[in-house]
Amino acid sequence: MLEKLGNIVKFITKYFSVWIILGVIAAFYNPETFKPLSKYVPYCIMAVMLSMGLTVSIGDFKLVFSRPKDVFWGIVLRYMIMPFIAFLLTKILNLPPVLAAGLILVGCCPSGVASNVMTFLAKGDTALSITVSSLNTIIAPFITPFMFAFLVGSIVPVDAGAILFDILKIVLVPVLLGAVIRGMASDFVDRIMPIIPIVSVIAIFITTSSGFALSAGSLANVAWIAVVAVVLHNVLGLTTGYWAARGVGMNHFKAKALSFEIGMENGGLAMALALAHLAPLAFIPAAIFNLVHNLTGPMLASYWREQEEKKELTAANEKDTIQS
């Protein structure tokens, strides 16, 4: 039974972006149907974070002790690059205050589970990716609200304390609860793991469609500049993340992990915080980012994977030539 469900989940998650786009289109043309779903957004993100917690184990943090320098740079670069790239883009593109706040909020949020998957597909340092994303998620309540308030305080009013409380409630508690469940019932968790991804698909579908429904009236006026800002934010994050990692002495294998850790955000959390603490229009950058990084991430991962496979094939051919 679980195997059949797992195959259905694989099909649904494979076309994740398609379902989200269809939801956005439906919400744009029929917003009243989707607006009531917005009250469930915090619970949706809590479910996603609980799912993430189910994948966390003590072993994920062993790199803190065996490779503290790599982990340190993963955390520092994550919270230095994306918030300030977002801030600069809001100035360069002269974004309206609400959109500017939304873009900067995306930059201040931690990376999501998708970064781990992309690192694995790209044949990067998956262990480093998992450790950095787990730690960034855990420390997000103590960095994201104050980084956001620092950068946005002069643009729109920000209640850092309220955001801190929400991140603790939406992120930290579910992640820790998931980790506890994993520790107490690991066999059960392993059995249900193939169907867990459906939680993220449903949660992001509800979050994205309801957010677009709330901002449908103003979306047409800001859509193009929001898309430009988000694409630049994402691409610059992936690029700068890679070269910043190389700049602090990491090799290509490790730098691929940090590229995804820095360039791919927890868009669901940003959407939830935007809906709770900012005007509905501030939700748009996070929603678009959630779509964009699920396109650029796989593209970059596929490119790096092909490069690695070419190297492996070349090395195998050279070995065969020498032996013959």
C-alpha atoms as a PDB file:
ATOM      1  CA  MET A   1       0.000   0.000   0.000  1.00  0.00           C
ATOM      2  CA  LEU A   2       2.716   2.456   1.015  1.00  0.00           C
ATOM      3  CA  GLU A   3       4.680   1.536  -2.115  1.00  0.00           C
ATOM      4  CA  LYS A   4       1.715   2.428  -4.350  1.00  0.00           C
ATOM      5  CA  LEU A   5       1.178   5.673  -2.461  1.00  0.00           C
ATOM      6  CA  GLY A   6       4.887   6.390  -2.818  1.00  0.00           C
ATOM      7  CA  ASN A   7       4.651   6.060  -6.604  1.00  0.00           C
ATOM      8  CA  ILE A   8       1.669   8.432  -6.692  1.00  0.00           C
ATOM      9  CA  VAL A   9       3.593  10.909  -4.525  1.00  0.00           C
ATOM     10  CA  LYS A  10       6.594  10.695  -6.857  1.00  0.00           C
ATOM     11  CA  PHE A  11       4.365  11.570  -9.814  1.00  0.00           C
ATOM     12  CA  ILE A  12       2.789  14.505  -7.974  1.00  0.00           C
ATOM     13  CA  THR A  13       6.096  15.885  -6.710  1.00  0.00           C
ATOM     14  CA  LYS A  14       7.724  15.462 -10.137  1.00  0.00           C
ATOM     15  CA  TYR A  15       5.274  18.018 -11.527  1.00  0.00           C
ATOM     16  CA  PHE A  16       5.347  20.213  -8.407  1.00  0.00           C
ATOM     17  CA  SER A  17       5.779  23.466 -10.356  1.00  0.00           C
ATOM     18  CA  VAL A  18       2.893  22.595 -12.691  1.00  0.00           C
ATOM     19  CA  TRP A  19       0.416  22.225  -9.815  1.00  0.00           C
ATOM     20  CA  ILE A  20       1.597  25.482  -8.256  1.00  0.00           C
ATOM     21  CA  ILE A  21       1.262  27.389 -11.542  1.00  0.00           C
ATOM     22  CA  LEU A  22      -2.238  25.976 -12.092  1.00  0.00           C
ATOM     23  CA  GLY A  23      -3.170  27.032  -8.561  1.00  0.00           C
ATOM     24  CA  VAL A  24      -1.842  30.543  -9.159  1.00  0.00           C
ATOM     25  CA  ILE A  25      -3.822  30.883 -12.405  1.00  0.00           C
ATOM     26  CA  ALA A  26      -7.006  29.621 -10.748  1.00  0.00           C
ATOM     27  CA  ALA A  27      -6.515  31.984  -7.780  1.00  0.00           C
ATOM     28  CA  PHE A  28      -5.906  34.958 -10.061  1.00  0.00           C
ATOM     29  CA  TYR A  29      -9.139  34.437 -12.000  1.00  0.00           C
ATOM     30  CA  ASN A  30     -11.249  33.236  -9.084  1.00  0.00           C
ATOM     31  CA  PRO A  31      -9.688  34.823  -5.964  1.00  0.00           C
ATOM     32  CA  GLU A  32     -12.753  34.565  -3.720  1.00  0.00           C
ATOM     33  CA  THR A  33     -12.536  30.764  -3.778  1.00  0.00           C
ATOM     34  CA  PHE A  34      -8.938  30.737  -2.565  1.00  0.00           C
ATOM     35  CA  LYS A  35      -8.858  33.686  -0.125  1.00  0.00           C
ATOM     36  CA  PRO A  36     -10.308  31.687   2.823  1.00  0.00           C
ATOM     37  CA  LEU A  37      -7.369  29.266   2.560  1.00  0.00           C
ATOM     38  CA  SER A  38      -5.001  31.987   3.798  1.00  0.00           C
ATOM     39  CA  LYS A  39      -5.993  31.282   7.427  1.00  0.00           C
ATOM     40  CA  TYR A  40      -4.409  27.826   7.082  1.00  0.00           C
ATOM     41  CA  VAL A  41      -1.037  29.089   5.823  1.00  0.00           C
ATOM     42  CA  PRO A  42       0.796  29.009   9.198  1.00  0.00           C
ATOM     43  CA  TYR A  43      -0.368  25.425   9.770  1.00  0.00           C
ATOM     44  CA  CYS A  44       0.771  24.459   6.270  1.00  0.00           C
ATOM     45  CA  ILE A  45       4.291  25.756   6.905  1.00  0.00           C
ATOM     46  CA  MET A  46       4.335  24.070  10.314  1.00  0.00           C
ATOM     47  CA  ALA A  47       3.510  20.784   8.557  1.00  0.00           C
ATOM     48  CA  VAL A  48       6.394  21.339   6.127  1.00  0.00           C
ATOM     49  CA  MET A  49       8.781  22.060   9.002  1.00  0.00           C
ATOM     50  CA  LEU A  50       7.558  18.988  10.875  1.00  0.00           C
ATOM     51  CA  SER A  51       8.316  16.958   7.742  1.00  0.00           C
ATOM     52  CA  MET A  52      11.794  18.454   7.645  1.00  0.00           C
ATOM     53  CA  GLY A  53      12.281  17.546  11.309  1.00  0.00           C
ATOM     54  CA  LEU A  54      11.441  13.930  10.518  1.00  0.00           C
ATOM     55  CA  THR A  55      14.514  13.810   8.272  1.00  0.00           C
ATOM     56  CA  VAL A  56      16.869  15.274  10.896  1.00  0.00           C
ATOM     57  CA  SER A  57      19.163  13.069  12.981  1.00  0.00           C
ATOM     58  CA  ILE A  58      22.021  13.664  15.397  1.00  0.00           C
ATOM     59  CA  GLY A  59      24.402  12.526  12.683  1.00  0.00           C
ATOM     60  CA  ASP A  60      23.431  15.554  10.587  1.00  0.00           C
ATOM     61  CA  PHE A  61      25.322  17.769  13.024  1.00  0.00           C
ATOM     62  CA  LYS A  62      28.574  15.814  13.269  1.00  0.00           C
ATOM     63  CA  LEU A  63      30.192  18.133  10.730  1.00  0.00           C
ATOM     64  CA  VAL A  64      29.951  20.927  13.302  1.00  0.00           C
ATOM     65  CA  PHE A  65      32.769  19.167  15.154  1.00  0.00           C
ATOM     66  CA  SER A  66      34.652  17.527  12.282  1.00  0.00           C
ATOM     67  CA  ARG A  67      34.484  20.447   9.810  1.00  0.00           C
ATOM     68  CA  PRO A  68      33.619  23.554  11.837  1.00  0.00           C
ATOM     69  CA  LYS A  69      35.178  25.968   9.312  1.00  0.00           C
ATOM     70  CA  ASP A  70      32.970  24.734   6.456  1.00  0.00           C
ATOM     71  CA  VAL A  71      29.840  24.920   8.603  1.00  0.00           C
ATOM     72  CA  PHE A  72      30.794  28.372   9.907  1.00  0.00           C
ATOM     73  CA  TRP A  73      31.140  29.782   6.397  1.00  0.00           C
ATOM     74  CA  GLY A  74      27.924  28.087   5.330  1.00  0.00           C
ATOM     75  CA  ILE A  75      26.021  29.923   8.040  1.00  0.00           C
ATOM     76  CA  VAL A  76      27.795  33.291   7.761  1.00  0.00           C
ATOM     77  CA  LEU A  77      27.632  33.493   3.968  1.00  0.00           C
ATOM     78  CA  ARG A  78      23.980  32.435   4.000  1.00  0.00           C
ATOM     79  CA  TYR A  79      22.892  35.328   6.171  1.00  0.00           C
ATOM     80  CA  MET A  80      25.261  37.897   4.644  1.00  0.00           C
ATOM     81  CA  ILE A  81      24.710  37.399   0.919  1.00  0.00           C
ATOM     82  CA  MET A  82      20.984  37.063   0.208  1.00  0.00           C
ATOM     83  CA  PRO A  83      19.628  39.794   2.522  1.00  0.00           C
ATOM     84  CA  PHE A  84      22.051  42.376   1.137  1.00  0.00           C
ATOM     85  CA  ILE A  85      21.595  41.333  -2.497  1.00  0.00           C
ATOM     86  CA  ALA A  86      17.857  41.812  -1.953  1.00  0.00           C
ATOM     87  CA  PHE A  87      18.426  45.210  -0.331  1.00  0.00           C
ATOM     88  CA  LEU A  88      20.620  46.395  -3.217  1.00  0.00           C
ATOM     89  CA  LEU A  89      18.114  45.180  -5.811  1.00  0.00           C
ATOM     90  CA  THR A  90      15.305  47.124  -4.137  1.00  0.00           C
ATOM     91  CA  LYS A  91      17.396  50.284  -4.531  1.00  0.00           C
ATOM     92  CA  ILE A  92      18.611  49.598  -8.069  1.00  0.00           C
ATOM     93  CA  LEU A  93      15.139  48.639  -9.341  1.00  0.00           C
ATOM     94  CA  ASN A  94      13.411  51.281  -7.206  1.00  0.00           C
ATOM     95  CA  LEU A  95      10.849  48.787  -5.951  1.00  0.00           C
ATOM     96  CA  PRO A  96       7.683  49.992  -4.196  1.00  0.00           C
ATOM     97  CA  PRO A  97       8.101  49.766  -0.398  1.00  0.00           C
ATOM     98  CA  VAL A  98       5.828  46.745   0.068  1.00  0.00           C
ATOM     99  CA  LEU A  99       7.526  44.751  -2.712  1.00  0.00           C
ATOM    100  CA  ALA A 100      10.937  45.786  -1.363  1.00  0.00           C
ATOM    101  CA  ALA A 101      10.004  44.493   2.078  1.00  0.00           C
ATOM    102  CA  GLY A 102       8.801  41.216   0.579  1.00  0.00           C
ATOM    103  CA  LEU A 103      12.003  40.671  -1.401  1.00  0.00           C
ATOM    104  CA  ILE A 104      14.228  41.433   1.586  1.00  0.00           C
ATOM    105  CA  LEU A 105      12.130  39.089   3.745  1.00  0.00           C
ATOM    106  CA  VAL A 106      12.862  36.281   1.275  1.00  0.00           C
ATOM    107  CA  GLY A 107      16.574  37.036   1.551  1.00  0.00           C
ATOM    108  CA  CYS A 108      16.475  36.932   5.339  1.00  0.00           C
ATOM    109  CA  CYS A 109      14.810  33.510   5.538  1.00  0.00           C
ATOM    110  CA  PRO A 110      16.852  30.293   5.821  1.00  0.00           C
ATOM    111  CA  SER A 111      17.353  27.774   3.037  1.00  0.00           C
ATOM    112  CA  GLY A 112      14.843  24.982   2.555  1.00  0.00           C
ATOM    113  CA  VAL A 113      14.997  21.220   2.126  1.00  0.00           C
ATOM    114  CA  ALA A 114      15.102  21.665  -1.663  1.00  0.00           C
ATOM    115  CA  SER A 115      18.728  22.811  -1.366  1.00  0.00           C
ATOM    116  CA  ASN A 116      19.698  19.388   0.013  1.00  0.00           C
ATOM    117  CA  VAL A 117      18.011  17.614  -2.895  1.00  0.00           C
ATOM    118  CA  MET A 118      19.666  19.882  -5.471  1.00  0.00           C
ATOM    119  CA  THR A 119      23.086  19.368  -3.886  1.00  0.00           C
ATOM    120  CA  PHE A 120      22.600  15.610  -4.047  1.00  0.00           C
ATOM    121  CA  LEU A 121      21.517  15.765  -7.702  1.00  0.00           C
ATOM    122  CA  ALA A 122      24.496  18.002  -8.531  1.00  0.00           C
ATOM    123  CA  LYS A 123      26.884  15.528  -6.870  1.00  0.00           C
ATOM    124  CA  GLY A 124      27.913  18.164  -4.367  1.00  0.00           C
ATOM    125  CA  ASP A 125      28.693  17.921  -0.654  1.00  0.00           C
ATOM    126  CA  THR A 126      25.289  16.703   0.533  1.00  0.00           C
ATOM    127  CA  ALA A 127      26.456  16.212   4.140  1.00  0.00           C
ATOM    128  CA  LEU A 128      27.538  19.861   4.314  1.00  0.00           C
ATOM    129  CA  SER A 129      24.259  20.970   2.727  1.00  0.00           C
ATOM    130  CA  ILE A 130      22.142  19.058   5.244  1.00  0.00           C
ATOM    131  CA  THR A 131      24.140  20.315   8.223  1.00  0.00           C
ATOM    132  CA  VAL A 132      24.113  23.946   7.101  1.00  0.00           C
ATOM    133  CA  SER A 133      20.414  24.002   6.182  1.00  0.00           C
ATOM    134  CA  SER A 134      19.441  22.299   9.468  1.00  0.00           C
ATOM    135  CA  LEU A 135      21.481  24.745  11.548  1.00  0.00           C
ATOM    136  CA  ASN A 136      20.288  27.751   9.548  1.00  0.00           C
ATOM    137  CA  THR A 137      16.696  26.678  10.134  1.00  0.00           C
ATOM    138  CA  ILE A 138      17.272  26.252  13.873  1.00  0.00           C
ATOM    139  CA  ILE A 139      18.974  29.635  14.306  1.00  0.00           C
ATOM    140  CA  ALA A 140      16.606  31.492  11.936  1.00  0.00           C
ATOM    141  CA  PRO A 141      14.301  32.690  14.762  1.00  0.00           C
ATOM    142  CA  PHE A 142      17.234  34.553  16.301  1.00  0.00           C
ATOM    143  CA  ILE A 143      18.607  36.074  13.073  1.00  0.00           C
ATOM    144  CA  THR A 144      15.814  36.520  10.509  1.00  0.00           C
ATOM    145  CA  PRO A 145      13.569  38.970  12.474  1.00  0.00           C
ATOM    146  CA  PHE A 146      16.404  41.289  13.455  1.00  0.00           C
ATOM    147  CA  MET A 147      18.180  41.166  10.086  1.00  0.00           C
ATOM    148  CA  PHE A 148      14.841  41.959   8.435  1.00  0.00           C
ATOM    149  CA  ALA A 149      14.080  44.791  10.858  1.00  0.00           C
ATOM    150  CA  PHE A 150      17.571  46.236  10.334  1.00  0.00           C
ATOM    151  CA  LEU A 151      17.218  46.332   6.548  1.00  0.00           C
ATOM    152  CA  VAL A 152      13.518  47.184   6.259  1.00  0.00           C
ATOM    153  CA  GLY A 153      12.838  49.272   9.365  1.00  0.00           C
ATOM    154  CA  SER A 154      13.197  52.524   7.431  1.00  0.00           C
ATOM    155  CA  ILE A 155      10.889  51.317   4.619  1.00  0.00           C
ATOM    156  CA  VAL A 156       7.897  49.802   6.433  1.00  0.00           C
ATOM    157  CA  PRO A 157       7.038  49.271  10.127  1.00  0.00           C
ATOM    158  CA  VAL A 158       8.392  45.962  11.433  1.00  0.00           C
ATOM    159  CA  ASP A 159       7.643  44.191  14.711  1.00  0.00           C
ATOM    160  CA  ALA A 160      10.733  42.008  15.115  1.00  0.00           C
ATOM    161  CA  GLY A 161       9.392  40.476  18.327  1.00  0.00           C
ATOM    162  CA  ALA A 162       6.197  39.282  16.640  1.00  0.00           C
ATOM    163  CA  ILE A 163       8.171  37.815  13.742  1.00  0.00           C
ATOM    164  CA  LEU A 164      10.512  36.095  16.211  1.00  0.00           C
ATOM    165  CA  PHE A 165       7.541  34.506  17.981  1.00  0.00           C
ATOM    166  CA  ASP A 166       6.011  33.364  14.686  1.00  0.00           C
ATOM    167  CA  ILE A 167       9.246  31.760  13.473  1.00  0.00           C
ATOM    168  CA  LEU A 168       9.647  29.962  16.793  1.00  0.00           C
ATOM    169  CA  LYS A 169       6.081  28.692  16.481  1.00  0.00           C
ATOM    170  CA  ILE A 170       6.099  27.937  12.747  1.00  0.00           C
ATOM    171  CA  VAL A 171       9.665  26.687  12.338  1.00  0.00           C
ATOM    172  CA  LEU A 172      11.611  25.742  15.432  1.00  0.00           C
ATOM    173  CA  VAL A 173       8.928  23.899  17.418  1.00  0.00           C
ATOM    174  CA  PRO A 174       7.767  21.698  14.482  1.00  0.00           C
ATOM    175  CA  VAL A 175      11.351  20.909  13.439  1.00  0.00           C
ATOM    176  CA  LEU A 176      12.305  19.883  16.969  1.00  0.00           C
ATOM    177  CA  LEU A 177       9.078  17.873  17.326  1.00  0.00           C
ATOM    178  CA  GLY A 178       9.838  16.079  14.061  1.00  0.00           C
ATOM    179  CA  ALA A 179      13.368  15.303  15.233  1.00  0.00           C
ATOM    180  CA  VAL A 180      12.009  13.872  18.509  1.00  0.00           C
ATOM    181  CA  ILE A 181       9.523  11.674  16.627  1.00  0.00           C
ATOM    182  CA  ARG A 182      12.357  10.537  14.365  1.00  0.00           C
ATOM    183  CA  GLY A 183      14.460   9.608  17.376  1.00  0.00           C
ATOM    184  CA  MET A 184      11.644   7.732  19.140  1.00  0.00           C
ATOM    185  CA  ALA A 185      10.078   5.955  16.141  1.00  0.00           C
ATOM    186  CA  SER A 186      12.708   5.844  13.404  1.00  0.00           C
ATOM    187  CA  ASP A 187      11.391   2.585  11.881  1.00  0.00           C
ATOM    188  CA  PHE A 188       7.905   4.034  11.496  1.00  0.00           C
ATOM    189  CA  VAL A 189       9.295   7.265  10.035  1.00  0.00           C
ATOM    190  CA  ASP A 190      11.374   5.309   7.519  1.00  0.00           C
ATOM    191  CA  ARG A 191       8.257   3.447   6.365  1.00  0.00           C
ATOM    192  CA  ILE A 192       6.204   6.588   5.774  1.00  0.00           C
ATOM    193  CA  MET A 193       9.063   8.699   4.367  1.00  0.00           C
ATOM    194  CA  PRO A 194       8.205   7.963   0.681  1.00  0.00           C
ATOM    195  CA  ILE A 195       4.821   9.677   1.104  1.00  0.00           C
ATOM    196  CA  ILE A 196       6.030  12.631   3.205  1.00  0.00           C
ATOM    197  CA  PRO A 197       6.843  14.923   0.203  1.00  0.00           C
ATOM    198  CA  ILE A 198       3.127  15.233  -0.582  1.00  0.00           C
ATOM    199  CA  VAL A 199       2.813  17.356   2.572  1.00  0.00           C
ATOM    200  CA  SER A 200       5.088  20.020   1.085  1.00  0.00           C
ATOM    201  CA  VAL A 201       3.255  19.998  -2.245  1.00  0.00           C
ATOM    202  CA  ILE A 202      -0.156  20.509  -0.633  1.00  0.00           C
ATOM    203  CA  ALA A 203       1.164  23.092   1.824  1.00  0.00           C
ATOM    204  CA  ILE A 204       2.904  25.210  -0.817  1.00  0.00           C
ATOM    205  CA  PHE A 205      -0.122  24.894  -3.129  1.00  0.00           C
ATOM    206  CA  ILE A 206      -2.432  26.278  -0.425  1.00  0.00           C
ATOM    207  CA  THR A 207       0.043  28.973   0.619  1.00  0.00           C
ATOM    208  CA  THR A 208       0.797  30.171  -2.903  1.00  0.00           C
ATOM    209  CA  SER A 209      -2.735  30.112  -4.296  1.00  0.00           C
ATOM    210  CA  SER A 210      -4.261  31.870  -1.268  1.00  0.00           C
ATOM    211  CA  GLY A 211      -1.540  34.531  -1.287  1.00  0.00           C
ATOM    212  CA  PHE A 212      -2.042  35.258  -4.973  1.00  0.00           C
ATOM    213  CA  ALA A 213      -5.788  35.431  -4.381  1.00  0.00           C
ATOM    214  CA  LEU A 214      -5.320  38.091  -1.696  1.00  0.00           C
ATOM    215  CA  SER A 215      -3.083  40.204  -3.951  1.00  0.00           C
ATOM    216  CA  ALA A 216      -4.838  39.511  -7.278  1.00  0.00           C
ATOM    217  CA  GLY A 217      -6.211  43.044  -7.521  1.00  0.00           C
ATOM    218  CA  SER A 218      -2.755  44.651  -7.536  1.00  0.00           C
ATOM    219  CA  LEU A 219      -0.760  41.860  -9.139  1.00  0.00           C
ATOM    220  CA  ALA A 220      -1.040  43.017 -12.752  1.00  0.00           C
ATOM    221  CA  ASN A 221       0.578  46.362 -11.914  1.00  0.00           C
ATOM    222  CA  VAL A 222       3.686  44.910 -10.257  1.00  0.00           C
ATOM    223  CA  ALA A 223       4.103  41.451 -11.772  1.00  0.00           C
ATOM    224  CA  TRP A 224       6.844  42.270 -14.282  1.00  0.00           C
ATOM    225  CA  ILE A 225       9.132  44.183 -11.902  1.00  0.00           C
ATOM    226  CA  ALA A 226       8.582  41.563  -9.200  1.00  0.00           C
ATOM    227  CA  VAL A 227       9.604  38.777 -11.589  1.00  0.00           C
ATOM    228  CA  VAL A 228      12.732  40.679 -12.674  1.00  0.00           C
ATOM    229  CA  ALA A 229      13.718  41.334  -9.054  1.00  0.00           C
ATOM    230  CA  VAL A 230      13.163  37.738  -7.960  1.00  0.00           C
ATOM    231  CA  VAL A 231      15.002  36.179 -10.913  1.00  0.00           C
ATOM    232  CA  LEU A 232      17.992  38.479 -10.336  1.00  0.00           C
ATOM    233  CA  HIS A 233      17.902  37.723  -6.599  1.00  0.00           C
ATOM    234  CA  ASN A 234      17.890  33.979  -7.165  1.00  0.00           C
ATOM    235  CA  VAL A 235      20.500  33.882  -9.941  1.00  0.00           C
ATOM    236  CA  LEU A 236      22.837  36.280  -8.123  1.00  0.00           C
ATOM    237  CA  GLY A 237      22.406  34.208  -4.955  1.00  0.00           C
ATOM    238  CA  LEU A 238      23.347  30.956  -6.663  1.00  0.00           C
ATOM    239  CA  THR A 239      26.302  32.573  -8.435  1.00  0.00           C
ATOM    240  CA  THR A 240      27.600  34.633  -5.520  1.00  0.00           C
ATOM    241  CA  GLY A 241      27.139  31.714  -3.148  1.00  0.00           C
ATOM    242  CA  TYR A 242      29.345  29.492  -5.285  1.00  0.00           C
ATOM    243  CA  TRP A 243      32.130  32.034  -5.784  1.00  0.00           C
ATOM    244  CA  ALA A 244      32.033  33.243  -2.179  1.00  0.00           C
ATOM    245  CA  ALA A 245      32.562  29.633  -1.085  1.00  0.00           C
ATOM    246  CA  ARG A 246      35.490  29.329  -3.471  1.00  0.00           C
ATOM    247  CA  GLY A 247      36.796  32.644  -2.167  1.00  0.00           C
ATOM    248  CA  VAL A 248      37.026  31.324   1.411  1.00  0.00           C
ATOM    249  CA  GLY A 249      38.963  28.264   0.251  1.00  0.00           C
ATOM    250  CA  MET A 250      36.287  25.655  -0.479  1.00  0.00           C
ATOM    251  CA  ASN A 251      36.684  23.293  -3.416  1.00  0.00           C
ATOM    252  CA  HIS A 252      34.135  22.800  -6.221  1.00  0.00           C
ATOM    253  CA  PHE A 253      32.486  19.880  -4.371  1.00  0.00           C
ATOM    254  CA  LYS A 254      31.739  22.001  -1.279  1.00  0.00           C
ATOM    255  CA  ALA A 255      30.984  25.199  -3.208  1.00  0.00           C
ATOM    256  CA  LYS A 256      28.143  23.508  -5.069  1.00  0.00           C
ATOM    257  CA  ALA A 257      26.460  22.817  -1.723  1.00  0.00           C
ATOM    258  CA  LEU A 258      26.794  26.427  -0.570  1.00  0.00           C
ATOM    259  CA  SER A 259      25.534  27.718  -3.912  1.00  0.00           C
ATOM    260  CA  PHE A 260      22.219  25.965  -3.302  1.00  0.00           C
ATOM    261  CA  GLU A 261      22.196  26.767   0.422  1.00  0.00           C
ATOM    262  CA  ILE A 262      22.511  30.463  -0.362  1.00  0.00           C
ATOM    263  CA  GLY A 263      20.524  30.747  -3.584  1.00  0.00           C
ATOM    264  CA  MET A 264      17.504  28.636  -2.581  1.00  0.00           C
ATOM    265  CA  GLU A 265      15.273  30.016   0.173  1.00  0.00           C
ATOM    266  CA  ASN A 266      12.507  28.733   2.414  1.00  0.00           C
ATOM    267  CA  GLY A 267       9.889  30.467   0.284  1.00  0.00           C
ATOM    268  CA  GLY A 268       7.041  28.939   2.253  1.00  0.00           C
ATOM    269  CA  LEU A 269       8.206  30.581   5.476  1.00  0.00           C
ATOM    270  CA  ALA A 270       8.656  33.916   3.689  1.00  0.00           C
ATOM    271  CA  MET A 271       5.116  33.661   2.296  1.00  0.00           C
ATOM    272  CA  ALA A 272       3.658  32.889   5.720  1.00  0.00           C
ATOM    273  CA  LEU A 273       5.510  35.766   7.397  1.00  0.00           C
ATOM    274  CA  ALA A 274       4.571  38.193   4.615  1.00  0.00           C
ATOM    275  CA  LEU A 275       0.876  37.338   4.920  1.00  0.00           C
ATOM    276  CA  ALA A 276       0.999  37.616   8.714  1.00  0.00           C
ATOM    277  CA  HIS A 277       3.094  40.750   9.155  1.00  0.00           C
ATOM    278  CA  LEU A 278       3.072  42.747   5.907  1.00  0.00           C
ATOM    279  CA  ALA A 279       0.566  43.900   3.297  1.00  0.00           C
ATOM    280  CA  PRO A 280      -0.717  41.127   0.962  1.00  0.00           C
ATOM    281  CA  LEU A 281       1.364  42.473  -1.929  1.00  0.00           C
ATOM    282  CA  ALA A 282       4.574  41.737   0.013  1.00  0.00           C
ATOM    283  CA  PHE A 283       3.717  38.081  -0.443  1.00  0.00           C
ATOM    284  CA  ILE A 284       4.394  38.258  -4.210  1.00  0.00           C
ATOM    285  CA  PRO A 285       8.241  38.125  -4.186  1.00  0.00           C
ATOM    286  CA  ALA A 286       8.213  35.045  -1.939  1.00  0.00           C
ATOM    287  CA  ALA A 287       5.601  33.305  -4.083  1.00  0.00           C
ATOM    288  CA  ILE A 288       7.470  34.026  -7.316  1.00  0.00           C
ATOM    289  CA  PHE A 289      10.766  32.994  -5.710  1.00  0.00           C
ATOM    290  CA  ASN A 290       9.210  29.667  -4.765  1.00  0.00           C
ATOM    291  CA  LEU A 291       8.467  29.044  -8.436  1.00  0.00           C
ATOM    292  CA  VAL A 292      11.723  30.426  -9.814  1.00  0.00           C
ATOM    293  CA  HIS A 293      14.135  28.511  -7.582  1.00  0.00           C
ATOM    294  CA  ASN A 294      12.304  25.283  -8.392  1.00  0.00           C
ATOM    295  CA  LEU A 295      13.248  25.931 -12.027  1.00  0.00           C
ATOM    296  CA  THR A 296      16.769  27.350 -11.722  1.00  0.00           C
ATOM    297  CA  GLY A 297      17.827  24.903  -8.994  1.00  0.00           C
ATOM    298  CA  PRO A 298      17.161  21.743 -11.034  1.00  0.00           C
ATOM    299  CA  MET A 299      18.691  23.367 -14.138  1.00  0.00           C
ATOM    300  CA  LEU A 300      21.942  24.151 -12.317  1.00  0.00           C
ATOM    301  CA  ALA A 301      21.963  20.757 -10.574  1.00  0.00           C
ATOM    302  CA  SER A 302      21.515  18.976 -13.925  1.00  0.00           C
ATOM    303  CA  TYR A 303      24.340  20.993 -15.483  1.00  0.00           C
ATOM    304  CA  TRP A 304      26.757  20.192 -12.649  1.00  0.00           C
ATOM    305  CA  ARG A 305      25.709  16.537 -12.639  1.00  0.00           C
ATOM    306  CA  GLU A 306      26.385  16.268 -16.390  1.00  0.00           C
ATOM    307  CA  GLN A 307      29.801  17.845 -15.879  1.00  0.00           C
ATOM    308  CA  GLU A 308      30.653  15.317 -13.165  1.00  0.00           C
ATOM    309  CA  GLU A 309      29.456  12.402 -15.286  1.00  0.00           C
ATOM    310  CA  LYS A 310      31.589  13.603 -18.210  1.00  0.00           C
ATOM    311  CA  LYS A 311      34.641  13.737 -15.935  1.00  0.00           C
ATOM    312  CA  GLU A 312      33.921  10.246 -14.621  1.00  0.00           C
ATOM    313  CA  LEU A 313      33.516   8.907 -18.162  1.00  0.00           C
ATOM    314  CA  THR A 314      36.746  10.569 -19.297  1.00  0.00           C
ATOM    315  CA  ALA A 315      38.635   9.175 -16.310  1.00  0.00           C
ATOM    316  CA  ALA A 316      37.248   5.676 -16.970  1.00  0.00           C
ATOM    317  CA  ASN A 317      38.261   5.863 -20.639  1.00  0.00           C
ATOM    318  CA  GLU A 318      41.778   7.030 -19.732  1.00  0.00           C
ATOM    319  CA  LYS A 319      42.081   4.161 -17.235  1.00  0.00           C
ATOM    320  CA  ASP A 320      41.000   1.656 -19.880  1.00  0.00           C
ATOM    321  CA  THR A 321      43.524   3.118 -22.349  1.00  0.00           C
ATOM    322  CA  ILE A 322      46.379   2.834 -19.843  1.00  0.00           C
ATOM    323  CA  GLN A 323      45.449  -0.739 -18.918  1.00  0.00           C
ATOM    324  CA  SER A 324      45.239  -1.802 -22.569  1.00  0.00           C
END
